[in-house]
Amino acid sequence: MRICYIAYQFWPSVGGSQAQAEKQAAWLSQLGQDVLVVTLRHQKTWPARETYRSFSVIRVGGWYRRGGTLRAGKFAYLLVNLLMFFTLWRFRRRYDLIHTLQLSPQAAVAAFVGKLTHKPVIIGVQSTGPYEVLEDLSSQAIQSQDAVGEPGQFRRNAACPEAQGGGDIAQLQQMVWGGQRMLEYIRKAHVYYQILSSRSYQYLLQHHFPPERIIYIPNGVDTQRFYPVCWTRPEEMAQRTERLFICVARLEYAKGIDVLLHAWAQMMALPPGWREGLLPRLRLVGDGACRKQLEYLALELGIQASVEFCGTRLDIPSLLQDAWGFVLPSRWEGMPNALLEAMSCALPCVATRVSGSEDVLEQGHNGLLVEPEQPQQLAYALRLLIEDADLAMQLGWLGYETVLRYYQINTTVQGSVAFYRYLLSRDAPHRIWPDPIEFDDLSPWRQGYE
């Protein structure tokens, strides 16, 4: 099969969605599929065309700032979309199917090109946004005016632009002129919608997307890169005095790092008897628009000695393998790759009850779930795993089993291949996808394709 992936961001950008796109393209290529990746040329210095790993990458440009960064304003996207259309049309004989990985403005272009060329189109929906609109932070909101302005202003601060957004649907309407019309076109087009979580299904239904065109294929993790090391020696692990928790996430509002810092401060402020002989540490891996504010917050909370800001790192597997546990305090997610990677290293995980995380983790069985914006709950869960080595080990191994059973990249990619074959089958235009997927549990995926 000849598959065209459209990714809003791709290598050399760094992030969860970019890494997932790269993994899927590479695995499809290994399975003998012909993959073409079309992405945006966010930096003018990046090559317009290249062969990356085993597949071709084409980057679409637009208007650039003086520094060479692609303009991404509401009107600038019109030129990007026009160039994206001409690119997809020019290379239309190079692919049989289009799979755009985000509900971005380029998804509307893909749907239109698919209609003109009579080729199937799949549009991925990554994020549902917050479950409820959070106008105010919890009582533990950042209080320092120097750090973020007035109390409760963190999500509206100009230094954290992601705070203005929400799910993919809201982002599409906000990021480009005519976004509402694009959304209506995508909703009415003869395309399919790939979702990553059970909450995404309800999210699309609430926005009037046709249920018969929704297909569930989650993210997967490469278990050949992410695998347990230290946890294979339980006696040695139990004797560790350093209890290092790691969080791999962008330092932006959606990831809730400010809530994590408050939780860590509350935990460290407890009478020290519970951690006698133990050394709790927190390592934050990632970068983003809110880094300076968060570093200042850690200083204000007096926890800078036990919190390390590592910035962007490329050695994520070894960092996870050296850690005691993993925490992801997101305000919202789609399907967090970082959580799956940590579980694949058999780390005990604490995450918020948001889209994706709530499907992967079962409370008290293979991890711990807390509510978003609740630093008290998060502090309790962290303390529990720091002081109880047996519980941490049990949750870590059951999380590893969950990944091996349901979320290996080869399994999820095989699901994509099966769906591609269905769409490209001889009578595909005359067939209707089976009954809408039910999400009382995740049995449709876990039973596989028939």
Protein backbone atom coordinates (compact mmCIF):
# COMPACT_ATOMS: atom_id res chain seq x y z
CA MET A 1 0.00 0.00 0.00
CA ARG A 2 1.07 3.58 -0.63
CA ILE A 3 0.23 5.75 2.37
CA CYS A 4 0.54 9.52 2.70
CA TYR A 5 0.94 10.73 6.28
CA ILE A 6 0.22 14.40 6.96
CA ALA A 7 1.81 15.59 10.20
CA TYR A 8 1.56 19.11 11.57
CA GLN A 9 5.04 18.65 13.04
CA PHE A 10 7.70 16.09 12.29
CA TRP A 11 11.41 15.56 12.77
CA PRO A 12 13.49 17.60 13.64
CA SER A 13 10.71 18.90 15.89
CA VAL A 14 10.59 17.16 19.26
CA GLY A 15 7.39 16.09 21.02
CA GLY A 16 4.91 13.30 21.63
CA SER A 17 2.84 13.59 18.46
CA GLN A 18 5.93 14.00 16.29
CA ALA A 19 7.56 10.93 17.85
CA GLN A 20 4.40 8.88 17.36
CA ALA A 21 4.19 9.89 13.69
CA GLU A 22 7.82 8.92 13.18
CA LYS A 23 7.34 5.55 14.89
CA GLN A 24 4.26 4.70 12.87
CA ALA A 25 5.84 5.69 9.57
CA ALA A 26 8.97 3.67 10.32
CA TRP A 27 7.00 0.56 11.34
CA LEU A 28 4.76 0.76 8.28
CA SER A 29 7.86 0.99 6.13
CA GLN A 30 9.32 -2.07 7.87
CA LEU A 31 6.11 -3.94 7.09
CA GLY A 32 6.69 -3.28 3.39
CA GLN A 33 4.33 -0.33 2.95
CA ASP A 34 5.35 2.69 0.87
CA VAL A 35 5.14 5.74 3.18
CA LEU A 36 5.27 9.40 2.20
CA VAL A 37 5.25 12.01 5.01
CA VAL A 38 4.05 15.53 4.20
CA THR A 39 4.63 18.03 7.00
CA LEU A 40 5.19 21.74 7.57
CA ARG A 41 8.55 23.39 7.13
CA HIS A 42 8.57 25.27 10.43
CA GLN A 43 12.15 26.50 9.95
CA LYS A 44 13.34 27.85 6.63
CA THR A 45 16.70 26.11 7.11
CA TRP A 46 15.06 22.67 7.10
CA PRO A 47 15.26 20.81 3.77
CA ALA A 48 12.12 20.94 1.64
CA ARG A 49 12.57 17.28 0.67
CA GLU A 50 14.64 14.46 2.12
CA THR A 51 14.72 10.75 2.77
CA TYR A 52 14.47 10.19 6.51
CA ARG A 53 15.14 6.69 7.76
CA SER A 54 13.37 4.58 5.13
CA PHE A 55 10.71 6.95 3.81
CA SER A 56 10.37 10.26 1.98
CA VAL A 57 9.56 13.51 3.77
CA ILE A 58 8.19 16.61 2.01
CA ARG A 59 8.00 19.88 3.96
CA VAL A 60 5.54 22.60 2.97
CA GLY A 61 6.51 26.20 3.70
CA GLY A 62 4.75 29.57 3.68
CA TRP A 63 5.53 33.06 4.97
CA TYR A 64 8.59 33.26 7.19
CA ARG A 65 9.66 35.74 9.85
CA ARG A 66 13.05 37.39 9.71
CA GLY A 67 14.51 34.69 11.90
CA GLY A 68 13.35 32.02 9.48
CA THR A 69 10.42 30.71 11.52
CA LEU A 70 7.19 29.85 9.70
CA ARG A 71 4.40 32.33 10.34
CA ALA A 72 1.45 30.61 11.98
CA GLY A 73 -1.13 33.38 12.28
CA LYS A 74 -4.78 33.09 11.26
CA PHE A 75 -4.17 34.55 7.79
CA ALA A 76 -0.69 33.10 7.29
CA TYR A 77 -2.22 29.62 7.35
CA LEU A 78 -4.14 30.41 4.17
CA LEU A 79 -0.88 30.37 2.19
CA VAL A 80 0.25 27.21 4.01
CA ASN A 81 -3.01 25.48 3.12
CA LEU A 82 -2.77 26.58 -0.51
CA LEU A 83 0.77 25.21 -0.77
CA MET A 84 -0.33 22.02 1.01
CA PHE A 85 -3.08 21.55 -1.58
CA PHE A 86 -0.67 21.96 -4.51
CA THR A 87 1.80 19.55 -2.87
CA LEU A 88 -0.80 16.84 -2.30
CA TRP A 89 -2.15 17.32 -5.82
CA ARG A 90 1.30 17.25 -7.38
CA PHE A 91 2.20 13.96 -5.66
CA ARG A 92 -1.26 12.38 -5.95
CA ARG A 93 0.16 9.44 -7.93
CA ARG A 94 2.56 8.65 -5.08
CA TYR A 95 -0.14 7.53 -2.62
CA ASP A 96 -3.41 5.58 -2.45
CA LEU A 97 -4.63 6.81 0.93
CA ILE A 98 -4.20 9.93 3.09
CA HIS A 99 -3.89 9.75 6.87
CA THR A 100 -3.58 13.13 8.56
CA LEU A 101 -2.53 12.69 12.16
CA GLN A 102 -4.08 15.85 13.63
CA LEU A 103 -7.34 17.72 13.27
CA SER A 104 -5.45 20.74 11.90
CA PRO A 105 -6.20 23.12 9.02
CA GLN A 106 -4.33 20.68 6.79
CA ALA A 107 -7.02 18.09 7.55
CA ALA A 108 -9.55 20.13 5.57
CA VAL A 109 -7.11 20.28 2.65
CA ALA A 110 -6.63 16.49 2.86
CA ALA A 111 -10.38 15.91 2.84
CA PHE A 112 -10.76 18.10 -0.26
CA VAL A 113 -7.89 16.41 -2.11
CA GLY A 114 -9.32 13.03 -1.17
CA LYS A 115 -12.64 14.02 -2.71
CA LEU A 116 -10.99 15.19 -5.93
CA THR A 117 -8.79 12.10 -6.28
CA HIS A 118 -11.37 9.59 -4.95
CA LYS A 119 -8.91 8.38 -2.33
CA PRO A 120 -9.76 7.43 1.27
CA VAL A 121 -8.90 9.94 3.99
CA ILE A 122 -8.44 9.33 7.71
CA ILE A 123 -8.23 12.27 10.12
CA GLY A 124 -6.71 11.72 13.56
CA VAL A 125 -8.15 13.45 16.62
CA GLN A 126 -5.42 13.88 19.23
CA SER A 127 -6.82 15.93 22.10
CA THR A 128 -10.26 16.43 23.63
CA GLY A 129 -9.20 19.39 25.73
CA PRO A 130 -10.25 19.77 29.38
CA TYR A 131 -13.27 17.82 30.54
CA GLU A 132 -14.73 21.02 31.89
CA VAL A 133 -13.83 24.64 31.15
CA LEU A 134 -11.43 25.66 33.91
CA GLU A 135 -11.89 29.38 34.33
CA ASP A 136 -10.01 29.44 37.64
CA LEU A 137 -7.22 27.33 39.00
CA SER A 138 -7.55 25.44 42.26
CA SER A 139 -6.78 27.10 45.58
CA GLN A 140 -3.17 26.09 45.01
CA ALA A 141 -2.79 28.34 41.96
CA ILE A 142 0.46 30.19 41.50
CA GLN A 143 0.41 33.22 43.76
CA SER A 144 3.57 35.09 42.76
CA GLN A 145 2.85 38.23 40.73
CA ASP A 146 6.42 38.26 39.42
CA ALA A 147 6.02 34.71 38.13
CA VAL A 148 2.65 34.84 36.47
CA GLY A 149 0.90 38.12 37.20
CA GLU A 150 -2.23 38.19 39.34
CA PRO A 151 -3.36 35.00 41.12
CA GLY A 152 -5.26 32.66 38.85
CA GLN A 153 -3.90 34.19 35.64
CA PHE A 154 -1.59 31.31 34.69
CA ARG A 155 -3.83 29.91 31.93
CA ARG A 156 -4.36 33.31 30.33
CA ASN A 157 -0.77 34.51 30.49
CA ALA A 158 0.65 35.49 27.09
CA ALA A 159 3.84 33.57 27.84
CA CYS A 160 1.85 30.34 27.77
CA PRO A 161 -0.12 30.50 24.49
CA GLU A 162 -1.36 26.91 24.79
CA ALA A 163 -3.34 28.02 27.83
CA GLN A 164 -5.73 29.79 25.48
CA GLY A 165 -6.69 26.61 23.67
CA GLY A 166 -8.44 23.36 24.37
CA GLY A 167 -9.19 20.31 22.32
CA ASP A 168 -8.49 19.81 18.65
CA ILE A 169 -11.88 21.18 17.59
CA ALA A 170 -11.44 24.42 19.54
CA GLN A 171 -7.87 24.78 18.28
CA LEU A 172 -8.92 24.39 14.66
CA GLN A 173 -11.55 27.11 14.99
CA GLN A 174 -9.09 29.48 16.69
CA MET A 175 -5.86 28.99 14.78
CA VAL A 176 -6.92 29.87 11.23
CA TRP A 177 -9.29 32.27 9.51
CA GLY A 178 -12.33 30.30 8.40
CA GLY A 179 -11.67 27.56 10.96
CA GLN A 180 -15.38 27.08 11.68
CA ARG A 181 -16.11 26.49 7.99
CA MET A 182 -13.20 24.05 7.79
CA LEU A 183 -14.62 22.15 10.73
CA GLU A 184 -18.06 21.95 9.11
CA TYR A 185 -16.49 20.70 5.89
CA ILE A 186 -14.48 18.03 7.69
CA ARG A 187 -17.58 16.92 9.58
CA LYS A 188 -19.62 16.49 6.38
CA ALA A 189 -16.82 15.06 4.20
CA HIS A 190 -16.65 11.38 3.28
CA VAL A 191 -13.70 10.72 5.61
CA TYR A 192 -12.97 8.59 8.69
CA TYR A 193 -11.93 9.85 12.11
CA GLN A 194 -9.29 8.02 14.12
CA ILE A 195 -9.58 8.45 17.87
CA LEU A 196 -7.12 7.48 20.59
CA SER A 197 -9.34 7.14 23.66
CA SER A 198 -12.85 6.42 24.87
CA ARG A 199 -13.39 10.06 25.82
CA SER A 200 -12.54 11.11 22.26
CA TYR A 201 -15.53 9.10 21.03
CA GLN A 202 -17.94 11.07 23.20
CA TYR A 203 -16.10 14.27 22.29
CA LEU A 204 -16.77 13.75 18.57
CA LEU A 205 -20.37 12.72 19.16
CA GLN A 206 -21.00 15.89 21.16
CA HIS A 207 -19.72 17.88 18.17
CA HIS A 208 -22.03 15.99 15.77
CA PHE A 209 -19.48 13.82 13.98
CA PRO A 210 -21.05 10.71 12.39
CA PRO A 211 -20.45 7.72 14.71
CA GLU A 212 -20.27 5.22 11.84
CA ARG A 213 -17.06 6.87 10.64
CA ILE A 214 -15.19 6.82 13.95
CA ILE A 215 -12.43 4.23 14.32
CA TYR A 216 -10.41 3.57 17.47
CA ILE A 217 -6.69 2.91 17.02
CA PRO A 218 -4.56 3.97 20.03
CA ASN A 219 -0.93 4.97 20.17
CA GLY A 220 1.70 2.31 20.67
CA VAL A 221 5.15 2.09 22.23
CA ASP A 222 8.32 0.50 20.88
CA THR A 223 9.07 -2.13 23.53
CA GLN A 224 12.45 -2.80 21.93
CA ARG A 225 13.57 0.68 23.00
CA PHE A 226 11.57 1.04 26.19
CA TYR A 227 11.94 -1.96 28.50
CA PRO A 228 12.57 -2.64 32.22
CA VAL A 229 16.11 -2.66 33.58
CA CYS A 230 16.42 -1.95 37.29
CA TRP A 231 13.03 -3.36 38.22
CA THR A 232 14.26 -6.81 37.22
CA ARG A 233 16.30 -6.77 40.44
CA PRO A 234 13.63 -6.30 43.16
CA GLU A 235 15.96 -6.67 46.16
CA GLU A 236 18.25 -3.98 44.82
CA MET A 237 15.35 -1.65 44.05
CA ALA A 238 13.84 -1.97 47.54
CA GLN A 239 17.18 -0.92 49.06
CA ARG A 240 17.46 2.26 47.00
CA THR A 241 17.47 5.37 49.13
CA GLU A 242 17.03 7.76 46.20
CA ARG A 243 13.41 7.72 45.02
CA LEU A 244 13.51 9.61 41.71
CA PHE A 245 10.21 10.48 40.03
CA ILE A 246 10.39 11.61 36.43
CA CYS A 247 7.93 13.63 34.35
CA VAL A 248 8.45 13.81 30.59
CA ALA A 249 6.26 16.59 29.19
CA ARG A 250 6.25 19.97 27.50
CA LEU A 251 6.46 22.78 30.04
CA GLU A 252 3.15 24.28 29.01
CA TYR A 253 -0.20 24.83 30.65
CA ALA A 254 -1.93 21.68 29.40
CA LYS A 255 0.61 19.42 31.13
CA GLY A 256 -0.16 20.77 34.63
CA ILE A 257 3.46 21.02 35.80
CA ASP A 258 2.54 23.89 38.11
CA VAL A 259 0.08 21.58 39.90
CA LEU A 260 2.83 18.96 40.19
CA LEU A 261 5.20 21.48 41.79
CA HIS A 262 2.56 22.42 44.36
CA ALA A 263 1.96 18.74 45.08
CA TRP A 264 5.67 18.11 45.49
CA ALA A 265 5.97 21.08 47.85
CA GLN A 266 3.06 19.81 49.94
CA MET A 267 4.59 16.34 50.12
CA MET A 268 8.03 17.64 51.10
CA ALA A 269 6.48 19.92 53.75
CA LEU A 270 5.00 16.96 55.66
CA PRO A 271 6.74 15.90 58.88
CA PRO A 272 9.91 14.19 57.62
CA GLY A 273 9.42 10.95 59.55
CA TRP A 274 7.71 9.20 56.61
CA ARG A 275 10.78 9.63 54.37
CA GLU A 276 13.45 8.85 56.93
CA GLY A 277 16.33 7.21 55.08
CA LEU A 278 14.81 8.10 51.69
CA LEU A 279 15.74 10.84 49.25
CA PRO A 280 12.75 11.93 47.09
CA ARG A 281 13.69 13.76 43.90
CA LEU A 282 11.70 15.09 40.95
CA ARG A 283 13.13 15.32 37.44
CA LEU A 284 11.28 17.36 34.79
CA VAL A 285 12.29 16.46 31.23
CA GLY A 286 11.06 18.80 28.51
CA ASP A 287 10.94 22.44 27.54
CA GLY A 288 8.27 24.96 26.71
CA ALA A 289 6.92 28.47 26.95
CA CYS A 290 6.31 28.28 30.70
CA ARG A 291 9.74 27.05 31.78
CA LYS A 292 10.93 30.31 33.36
CA GLN A 293 7.69 30.70 35.28
CA LEU A 294 7.86 27.13 36.55
CA GLU A 295 11.50 27.48 37.59
CA TYR A 296 10.55 30.61 39.51
CA LEU A 297 7.63 28.77 41.10
CA ALA A 298 9.91 25.98 42.31
CA LEU A 299 12.14 28.63 43.88
CA GLU A 300 9.18 30.35 45.53
CA LEU A 301 7.94 27.05 46.94
CA GLY A 302 11.37 26.24 48.34
CA ILE A 303 11.72 22.91 46.52
CA GLN A 304 14.50 23.80 44.08
CA ALA A 305 16.94 21.49 45.89
CA SER A 306 14.84 18.39 45.09
CA VAL A 307 13.54 19.42 41.62
CA GLU A 308 15.65 19.27 38.47
CA PHE A 309 14.72 20.95 35.17
CA CYS A 310 16.52 18.94 32.47
CA GLY A 311 15.19 20.60 29.32
CA THR A 312 14.86 18.65 26.09
CA ARG A 313 16.62 15.28 26.15
CA LEU A 314 17.01 12.58 23.53
CA ASP A 315 18.01 9.79 25.93
CA ILE A 316 14.49 9.25 27.28
CA PRO A 317 14.72 5.42 27.53
CA SER A 318 17.77 5.53 29.81
CA LEU A 319 16.26 8.34 31.92
CA LEU A 320 13.13 6.28 32.48
CA GLN A 321 15.10 3.14 33.23
CA ASP A 322 17.04 4.99 35.95
CA ALA A 323 13.91 6.38 37.65
CA TRP A 324 11.86 5.06 40.56
CA GLY A 325 8.48 6.18 39.23
CA PHE A 326 6.70 8.35 36.67
CA VAL A 327 4.16 11.15 37.06
CA LEU A 328 2.01 12.95 34.47
CA PRO A 329 -0.18 15.74 35.96
CA SER A 330 -1.89 16.78 32.69
CA ARG A 331 -4.96 18.97 32.56
CA TRP A 332 -5.87 17.21 29.32
CA GLU A 333 -4.38 14.68 26.91
CA GLY A 334 -5.17 12.61 23.86
CA MET A 335 -3.23 9.39 24.41
CA PRO A 336 0.01 10.23 26.28
CA ASN A 337 3.01 8.54 24.67
CA ALA A 338 5.18 9.41 27.66
CA LEU A 339 2.90 7.41 29.97
CA LEU A 340 3.01 4.36 27.70
CA GLU A 341 6.80 4.58 27.50
CA ALA A 342 7.12 4.76 31.28
CA MET A 343 4.80 1.77 31.71
CA SER A 344 6.87 -0.11 29.14
CA CYS A 345 9.88 0.42 31.45
CA ALA A 346 7.83 -1.09 34.32
CA LEU A 347 7.74 2.21 36.24
CA PRO A 348 4.86 2.71 38.70
CA CYS A 349 2.85 5.58 37.24
CA VAL A 350 0.71 8.36 38.67
CA ALA A 351 -1.45 10.27 36.17
CA THR A 352 -4.51 12.46 36.12
CA ARG A 353 -7.89 11.10 35.13
CA VAL A 354 -7.94 12.58 31.63
CA SER A 355 -8.43 11.27 28.11
CA GLY A 356 -6.10 8.39 27.31
CA SER A 357 -4.59 8.04 30.78
CA GLU A 358 -7.89 6.83 32.19
CA ASP A 359 -8.07 4.13 29.49
CA VAL A 360 -4.51 2.89 30.07
CA LEU A 361 -4.43 2.98 33.87
CA GLU A 362 -6.81 1.08 36.11
CA GLN A 363 -6.86 2.66 39.55
CA GLY A 364 -4.91 0.60 42.06
CA HIS A 365 -4.26 -2.21 39.58
CA ASN A 366 -1.56 -1.02 37.19
CA GLY A 367 -1.17 2.58 38.34
CA LEU A 368 -2.71 5.43 40.31
CA LEU A 369 -5.16 8.03 38.98
CA VAL A 370 -5.91 11.40 40.56
CA GLU A 371 -8.22 14.19 39.49
CA PRO A 372 -6.75 17.13 37.52
CA GLU A 373 -6.06 20.33 39.47
CA GLN A 374 -5.85 18.41 42.77
CA PRO A 375 -2.33 18.80 44.22
CA GLN A 376 -3.40 17.21 47.53
CA GLN A 377 -4.40 13.97 45.79
CA LEU A 378 -1.26 14.03 43.70
CA ALA A 379 0.95 14.56 46.76
CA TYR A 380 -0.65 11.58 48.52
CA ALA A 381 -0.18 9.29 45.49
CA LEU A 382 3.48 10.30 45.11
CA ARG A 383 4.18 9.71 48.79
CA LEU A 384 2.49 6.32 48.64
CA LEU A 385 4.78 5.09 45.86
CA ILE A 386 7.91 6.61 47.35
CA GLU A 387 7.54 4.93 50.72
CA ASP A 388 5.99 1.60 49.62
CA ALA A 389 8.47 -0.27 47.41
CA ASP A 390 6.31 -3.41 47.20
CA LEU A 391 3.30 -1.47 45.90
CA ALA A 392 5.48 0.46 43.46
CA MET A 393 6.94 -2.76 42.09
CA GLN A 394 3.54 -4.43 41.75
CA LEU A 395 1.99 -1.48 39.89
CA GLY A 396 5.03 -1.19 37.65
CA TRP A 397 4.98 -4.81 36.51
CA LEU A 398 1.22 -4.83 35.93
CA GLY A 399 1.61 -1.65 33.88
CA TYR A 400 4.31 -3.36 31.83
CA GLU A 401 1.99 -6.31 31.20
CA THR A 402 -0.72 -3.88 30.03
CA VAL A 403 1.63 -2.41 27.42
CA LEU A 404 2.75 -5.83 26.22
CA ARG A 405 -0.85 -6.94 25.84
CA TYR A 406 -2.49 -3.95 24.23
CA TYR A 407 -0.13 -1.09 23.33
CA GLN A 408 2.94 -2.43 21.53
CA ILE A 409 3.64 -0.38 18.41
CA ASN A 410 3.60 -3.45 16.17
CA THR A 411 0.09 -4.30 17.42
CA THR A 412 -1.32 -0.81 16.91
CA VAL A 413 0.31 -0.42 13.48
CA GLN A 414 -1.12 -3.77 12.43
CA GLY A 415 -4.51 -2.34 13.37
CA SER A 416 -3.87 0.61 11.07
CA VAL A 417 -2.77 -1.72 8.26
CA ALA A 418 -5.97 -3.77 8.63
CA PHE A 419 -8.08 -0.63 8.37
CA TYR A 420 -6.11 0.67 5.39
CA ARG A 421 -6.69 -2.63 3.59
CA TYR A 422 -10.37 -2.41 4.36
CA LEU A 423 -10.57 1.08 2.86
CA LEU A 424 -8.57 0.11 -0.21
CA SER A 425 -10.43 -3.12 -0.83
CA ARG A 426 -12.09 -3.44 -4.23
CA ASP A 427 -15.61 -2.75 -3.01
CA ALA A 428 -14.68 -0.18 -0.33
CA PRO A 429 -16.79 2.64 -1.86
CA HIS A 430 -19.87 0.44 -1.57
CA ARG A 431 -19.31 -0.82 1.95
CA ILE A 432 -20.34 0.69 5.25
CA TRP A 433 -18.16 0.43 8.34
CA PRO A 434 -19.69 -1.87 11.00
CA ASP A 435 -21.81 -0.68 13.88
CA PRO A 436 -20.48 2.28 15.90
CA ILE A 437 -17.76 1.35 18.36
CA GLU A 438 -18.88 0.94 21.94
CA PHE A 439 -16.57 2.13 24.69
CA ASP A 440 -18.05 0.72 27.88
CA ASP A 441 -14.72 -1.09 27.83
CA LEU A 442 -12.08 -1.22 25.12
CA SER A 443 -13.11 -4.66 23.90
CA PRO A 444 -13.45 -3.69 20.19
CA TRP A 445 -9.73 -2.93 20.02
CA ARG A 446 -8.60 -5.65 22.38
CA GLN A 447 -10.45 -8.32 20.41
CA GLY A 448 -8.69 -7.15 17.23
CA TYR A 449 -10.05 -6.90 13.75
CA GLU A 450 -12.08 -9.75 12.37
